Protein backbone atom coordinates (compact mmCIF):
# COMPACT_ATOMS: atom_id res chain seq x y z
CA MET A 1 -19.67 11.88 47.70
CA THR A 2 -18.28 8.09 48.68
CA GLU A 3 -19.58 5.94 51.87
CA LEU A 4 -17.32 3.63 53.54
CA ILE A 5 -19.99 0.50 54.59
CA GLN A 6 -18.30 -2.32 56.63
CA THR A 7 -18.36 -5.78 54.61
CA THR A 8 -19.91 -8.67 55.90
CA LEU A 9 -18.40 -12.21 54.13
CA GLU A 10 -20.43 -14.74 55.83
CA VAL A 11 -19.01 -17.82 55.71
CA LEU A 12 -22.05 -20.73 55.38
CA ASP A 13 -19.25 -23.39 54.10
CA GLU A 14 -15.51 -23.92 54.57
CA ARG A 15 -15.10 -23.53 50.91
CA PHE A 16 -16.24 -19.56 51.00
CA ARG A 17 -13.22 -19.15 53.25
CA ALA A 18 -11.58 -19.22 49.35
CA VAL A 19 -13.68 -14.95 48.99
CA LYS A 20 -11.56 -12.46 50.76
CA GLY A 21 -11.76 -8.88 49.99
CA ASP A 22 -12.17 -5.90 51.96
CA HIS A 23 -13.40 -4.82 55.22
CA TRP A 24 -14.88 -2.20 53.78
CA MET A 25 -17.60 -1.50 51.02
CA GLN A 26 -17.77 1.59 48.95
CA ARG A 27 -21.70 2.89 48.40
CA LEU A 28 -20.98 5.23 45.23
CA TYR A 29 -23.96 6.57 44.76
CA THR A 30 -28.30 6.28 45.93
CA GLY A 31 -30.74 8.65 45.87
CA CYS A 32 -32.47 6.63 43.16
CA ARG A 33 -35.79 4.70 43.38
CA TRP A 34 -35.10 1.50 41.84
CA THR A 35 -30.96 0.09 40.86
CA GLU A 36 -30.77 -1.91 38.29
CA GLY A 37 -28.26 -3.61 35.52
CA PRO A 38 -24.96 -3.02 36.36
CA ALA A 39 -22.20 -3.53 32.81
CA TYR A 40 -19.03 -2.46 32.82
CA PHE A 41 -16.71 -1.26 29.84
CA PRO A 42 -13.15 -2.44 30.92
CA ALA A 43 -11.90 -0.14 28.02
CA GLY A 44 -13.06 3.59 29.63
CA ARG A 45 -13.33 2.06 33.25
CA TYR A 46 -16.78 2.72 33.70
CA LEU A 47 -19.97 1.47 34.68
CA VAL A 48 -23.24 1.63 32.66
CA PHE A 49 -26.44 1.10 35.34
CA SER A 50 -30.53 1.67 35.12
CA ASP A 51 -32.68 3.78 37.66
CA ILE A 52 -35.63 2.22 36.24
CA PRO A 53 -38.97 4.14 37.99
CA ASN A 54 -37.05 7.41 37.21
CA ASP A 55 -36.22 6.19 33.45
CA ARG A 56 -32.73 7.24 33.30
CA MET A 57 -29.19 5.16 32.88
CA LEU A 58 -26.70 6.35 35.24
CA ARG A 59 -22.33 6.16 34.08
CA TYR A 60 -20.30 5.78 36.72
CA ASP A 61 -16.55 6.34 35.42
CA GLU A 62 -14.62 4.62 37.85
CA THR A 63 -10.92 6.83 37.39
CA THR A 64 -13.02 9.82 39.02
CA GLY A 65 -15.74 8.42 40.56
CA ALA A 66 -18.39 10.74 39.28
CA VAL A 67 -21.58 9.48 38.86
CA GLY A 68 -24.07 10.81 36.26
CA VAL A 69 -26.84 10.94 33.43
CA PHE A 70 -25.97 8.46 30.16
CA ARG A 71 -29.42 8.41 28.99
CA ALA A 72 -32.82 9.84 29.77
CA PRO A 73 -35.01 8.86 28.68
CA ALA A 74 -34.44 5.57 28.52
CA GLY A 75 -37.00 3.21 27.74
CA TYR A 76 -37.25 2.64 31.69
CA THR A 77 -34.25 0.52 31.15
CA ASN A 78 -33.64 -2.75 33.26
CA GLY A 79 -30.84 -5.08 32.05
CA HIS A 80 -27.89 -3.78 30.74
CA THR A 81 -24.19 -6.47 29.20
CA VAL A 82 -21.83 -5.52 27.31
CA ASP A 83 -21.69 -7.87 24.08
CA ARG A 84 -18.60 -9.14 22.21
CA GLN A 85 -17.53 -6.02 20.80
CA GLY A 86 -18.20 -3.91 23.13
CA ARG A 87 -21.59 -2.51 22.49
CA LEU A 88 -24.26 -1.81 25.27
CA ILE A 89 -26.95 -4.42 25.21
CA SER A 90 -30.17 -3.18 26.69
CA CYS A 91 -33.47 -4.31 28.40
CA GLU A 92 -36.28 -1.70 27.86
CA HIS A 93 -39.50 -2.19 29.50
CA GLY A 94 -41.01 0.78 28.93
CA ASN A 95 -40.69 0.25 24.77
CA ARG A 96 -40.37 -3.43 25.65
CA ARG A 97 -38.02 -4.31 23.46
CA VAL A 98 -34.36 -5.58 23.38
CA THR A 99 -31.24 -2.91 22.26
CA ARG A 100 -27.86 -2.73 20.95
CA THR A 101 -26.17 0.55 21.75
CA GLU A 102 -23.64 1.17 18.49
CA PRO A 103 -20.56 3.28 18.92
CA ASP A 104 -21.93 5.99 17.99
CA GLY A 105 -25.15 6.72 20.08
CA SER A 106 -27.51 5.40 18.07
CA ILE A 107 -29.22 2.84 18.70
CA THR A 108 -30.43 -0.60 17.22
CA VAL A 109 -33.86 -2.94 17.86
CA LEU A 110 -32.58 -6.37 18.41
CA ALA A 111 -36.10 -7.96 19.40
CA ASP A 112 -39.02 -6.33 20.00
CA ARG A 113 -41.86 -9.05 19.21
CA TYR A 114 -41.81 -12.83 18.85
CA ARG A 115 -44.44 -14.34 16.45
CA GLY A 116 -45.80 -11.40 15.84
CA LYS A 117 -46.58 -9.91 18.87
CA ARG A 118 -44.87 -7.36 21.43
CA PHE A 119 -43.05 -8.53 24.34
CA ASN A 120 -43.69 -7.78 28.21
CA SER A 121 -41.09 -6.17 28.85
CA PRO A 122 -37.82 -7.55 28.46
CA ASN A 123 -35.70 -8.10 31.61
CA ASP A 124 -32.09 -9.52 32.41
CA VAL A 125 -29.52 -10.23 29.17
CA VAL A 126 -26.80 -11.93 28.30
CA GLU A 127 -24.29 -13.22 25.31
CA ARG A 128 -23.26 -16.35 24.47
CA ALA A 129 -20.12 -17.50 22.36
CA ASP A 130 -22.02 -18.06 19.21
CA GLY A 131 -23.36 -13.64 19.00
CA THR A 132 -26.97 -14.86 19.95
CA ILE A 133 -28.76 -12.78 23.17
CA TRP A 134 -30.38 -14.39 25.57
CA PHE A 135 -33.25 -12.59 27.85
CA THR A 136 -36.01 -12.87 30.69
CA ASP A 137 -39.15 -11.43 29.90
CA PRO A 138 -41.57 -11.19 32.57
CA SER A 139 -43.99 -8.67 33.19
CA TYR A 140 -42.96 -5.73 35.65
CA GLY A 141 -43.14 -3.40 32.92
CA ILE A 142 -46.82 -4.18 31.72
CA ASP A 143 -47.74 -4.54 35.57
CA SER A 144 -48.10 -0.98 36.45
CA ASP A 145 -46.60 2.83 35.60
CA TYR A 146 -44.26 2.27 38.33
CA GLU A 147 -41.57 0.95 35.98
CA GLY A 148 -43.23 0.88 32.53
CA HIS A 149 -45.84 1.34 31.33
CA GLN A 150 -49.58 -0.78 32.11
CA ALA A 151 -50.23 -3.03 29.42
CA PRO A 152 -51.96 -6.15 29.06
CA SER A 153 -49.91 -8.89 27.97
CA GLU A 154 -49.75 -9.66 24.57
CA ILE A 155 -48.28 -13.36 24.46
CA GLY A 156 -50.12 -14.33 27.83
CA GLY A 157 -47.42 -15.73 29.96
CA CYS A 158 -43.16 -14.83 31.28
CA HIS A 159 -40.63 -16.59 29.04
CA VAL A 160 -36.81 -16.75 28.14
CA TYR A 161 -36.03 -15.78 24.40
CA ARG A 162 -32.83 -16.04 22.20
CA VAL A 163 -32.51 -13.48 19.39
CA THR A 164 -29.96 -14.34 16.34
CA PRO A 165 -28.91 -10.14 15.49
CA GLU A 166 -27.32 -11.07 12.33
CA THR A 167 -30.82 -12.30 11.20
CA GLY A 168 -33.16 -10.75 13.89
CA GLU A 169 -34.39 -14.85 14.63
CA VAL A 170 -36.77 -15.09 17.78
CA GLN A 171 -36.56 -18.21 18.77
CA LEU A 172 -38.25 -19.19 22.29
CA VAL A 173 -36.17 -21.48 24.21
CA ALA A 174 -37.97 -21.55 27.78
CA ASP A 175 -42.04 -21.15 28.71
CA ASP A 176 -41.95 -22.95 31.85
CA PHE A 177 -41.79 -20.10 34.14
CA ASP A 178 -44.05 -17.84 36.77
CA ARG A 179 -41.35 -14.38 36.76
CA PRO A 180 -37.87 -15.22 34.98
CA ASN A 181 -35.76 -12.55 35.70
CA GLY A 182 -31.47 -12.43 36.44
CA LEU A 183 -29.71 -15.49 34.16
CA ALA A 184 -26.06 -15.94 33.30
CA PHE A 185 -24.25 -18.98 31.86
CA SER A 186 -21.73 -21.69 33.45
CA LEU A 187 -17.86 -20.61 32.67
CA ASP A 188 -17.95 -23.50 29.28
CA GLU A 189 -21.57 -22.50 28.77
CA ARG A 190 -23.10 -25.97 28.46
CA ARG A 191 -25.61 -25.17 31.81
CA LEU A 192 -27.27 -21.68 31.78
CA TYR A 193 -28.79 -20.87 35.13
CA ILE A 194 -32.29 -18.40 35.52
CA SER A 195 -33.73 -17.01 38.07
CA ASP A 196 -37.38 -17.41 38.99
CA SER A 197 -38.60 -13.66 41.27
CA ARG A 198 -42.27 -15.69 41.66
CA ARG A 199 -41.42 -18.68 42.91
CA ARG A 200 -37.92 -17.71 44.17
CA HIS A 201 -35.53 -20.71 42.92
CA LEU A 202 -32.76 -20.53 40.72
CA ARG A 203 -32.82 -23.61 38.13
CA VAL A 204 -30.03 -24.72 35.79
CA PHE A 205 -30.38 -25.80 32.41
CA ASP A 206 -27.75 -27.79 29.70
CA VAL A 207 -27.44 -25.96 26.63
CA ALA A 208 -26.94 -28.11 23.38
CA GLU A 209 -24.59 -27.09 20.57
CA ASP A 210 -27.62 -25.17 18.93
CA GLY A 211 -29.11 -23.68 21.71
CA THR A 212 -31.27 -25.47 23.32
CA LEU A 213 -32.10 -26.11 26.62
CA SER A 214 -32.52 -29.80 28.29
CA GLY A 215 -33.49 -30.03 32.29
CA GLY A 216 -34.54 -26.84 34.20
CA GLU A 217 -34.12 -28.37 37.90
CA VAL A 218 -34.44 -26.61 40.54
CA PHE A 219 -30.33 -26.10 41.19
CA ALA A 220 -31.10 -23.18 44.36
CA THR A 221 -33.90 -21.65 46.57
CA CYS A 222 -33.45 -18.68 48.24
CA ASP A 223 -34.24 -18.73 51.84
CA ALA A 224 -34.65 -13.75 51.97
CA GLY A 225 -37.00 -13.19 50.00
CA THR A 226 -36.58 -14.15 46.32
CA PHE A 227 -33.17 -14.29 43.27
CA ASP A 228 -32.38 -11.65 41.00
CA GLY A 229 -29.88 -10.96 39.03
CA ILE A 230 -26.76 -13.23 38.88
CA ARG A 231 -23.56 -13.42 37.14
CA LEU A 232 -20.34 -15.58 37.70
CA ASP A 233 -16.50 -15.76 38.96
CA HIS A 234 -13.65 -17.62 37.66
CA ALA A 235 -13.91 -20.32 39.45
CA GLY A 236 -17.50 -21.33 38.04
CA ARG A 237 -19.10 -19.75 41.79
CA ILE A 238 -22.32 -18.70 41.13
CA TRP A 239 -22.85 -14.62 43.01
CA ALA A 240 -26.81 -14.64 43.03
CA ALA A 241 -28.93 -11.16 44.59
CA ALA A 242 -31.90 -11.21 47.46
CA HIS A 243 -32.78 -9.39 49.76
CA ASP A 244 -30.49 -9.54 51.91
CA GLY A 245 -26.94 -9.35 50.01
CA VAL A 246 -25.13 -11.21 47.97
CA HIS A 247 -25.69 -14.87 47.72
CA CYS A 248 -22.99 -17.10 46.60
CA PHE A 249 -23.31 -20.81 45.95
CA ASP A 250 -20.61 -23.63 44.23
CA PRO A 251 -21.46 -25.56 41.46
CA ASP A 252 -22.39 -27.99 43.13
CA GLY A 253 -25.99 -26.27 44.34
CA THR A 254 -24.17 -25.71 48.03
CA LEU A 255 -25.53 -22.07 49.28
CA ILE A 256 -22.21 -21.27 50.84
CA GLY A 257 -21.71 -17.47 52.05
CA LYS A 258 -23.74 -14.51 51.60
CA LEU A 259 -21.76 -10.42 51.63
CA ARG A 260 -24.38 -8.68 53.21
CA LEU A 261 -26.12 -5.53 52.28
CA PRO A 262 -27.69 -2.45 53.78
CA GLU A 263 -30.28 -2.75 51.23
CA ILE A 264 -32.33 -5.52 48.90
CA ALA A 265 -29.63 -6.13 46.11
CA ALA A 266 -31.11 -6.48 42.57
CA ASN A 267 -27.95 -6.67 40.39
CA LEU A 268 -24.41 -7.39 40.31
CA THR A 269 -21.22 -7.41 37.92
CA PHE A 270 -17.28 -7.86 38.11
CA GLY A 271 -15.55 -4.52 37.32
CA GLY A 272 -12.34 -2.90 37.75
CA PRO A 273 -8.68 -3.59 36.36
CA LYS A 274 -8.42 -6.89 37.19
CA ARG A 275 -11.81 -7.88 37.35
CA ASN A 276 -12.03 -7.79 40.92
CA ASP A 277 -14.28 -5.62 41.67
CA MET A 278 -17.86 -6.35 42.47
CA TYR A 279 -20.07 -3.61 41.61
CA ILE A 280 -23.50 -3.83 43.02
CA THR A 281 -26.58 -2.02 42.44
CA ALA A 282 -29.29 -2.53 45.70
CA THR A 283 -32.71 -0.18 45.64
CA SER A 284 -31.96 3.25 46.16
CA SER A 285 -27.80 2.69 45.33
CA LEU A 286 -24.58 1.35 43.29
CA TYR A 287 -22.13 0.02 45.77
CA ALA A 288 -18.64 -1.52 45.24
CA VAL A 289 -16.65 -4.32 47.14
CA ARG A 290 -13.27 -5.50 45.95
CA LEU A 291 -12.64 -9.16 46.60
CA THR A 292 -10.04 -12.11 45.88
CA VAL A 293 -11.96 -13.54 42.78
CA THR A 294 -12.64 -12.13 39.68
CA GLY A 295 -15.23 -12.38 37.17
CA ALA A 296 -16.00 -15.44 34.57
CA ARG A 297 -13.98 -15.13 31.52
CA TYR A 298 -16.53 -16.58 28.31
CA PRO A 299 -15.12 -17.86 24.86
CA GLY A 300 -14.42 -15.28 23.42
CA ARG A 301 -14.60 -12.32 25.14
CA SER A 302 -13.63 -10.59 28.52
CA TYR A 303 -17.04 -8.92 30.20
CA GLN A 304 -20.10 -10.57 30.70
């Protein structure tokens, strides 16, 4: 049963007053161990998200409010995204790979190794307009058996990669992170934001036409725990999951406001018929709040 919770939109800068929402948010589902990776499918009006330690993926039906098991076991999946063809792209901690779920339900492995060595545990993922898939690879899934399978790192570091699905070519794009986590492109895809959970900050890179990254300066530092998943809205504001809720940053790097939550936020996405429902996975629960802002639109696709 849906539980209503008072919404707190904390204004830290006058620019955040442009963001308004309902006076309450919905706790749509609870009882998980650690929720992650919400991905919204507009054609079916449903959301897929992960319950990592329970090794299952859940499906929330926006039209009925029902939540059921989408896949179990699920390879201890973490982050997801929806590609330009409307297919689910998933990061699997347990199987240490990035996969695509085809329309018939079969699973295609997009990447599971770099130069012959297995990834640690792919964590979060986004698609660029050219069809390349970008993902982070920290070691959370091999650090213990809680959200994966304990194992030594074959690669020896926690990096960021890009894979070209048509060829299977995997390229290392950033290798100076401690624990790379959430990532998201700017509206024009000329910048890439990546959180580093261990260093508790968010970095920003310039993206060349060929996908090469440069820069990488610190964009923001977290003042409540650490950053996890991130998404952008239609105005280019960056929304980052943190321990006290979701932090909102102006494109110039100023923390302008917070959406407070009663649990630690892990990830978020925009959905709904008008793209102004923010879905948030936070510790044991899935939340939703309706805002006056809409999710970012990217070249070649409607949803991130």
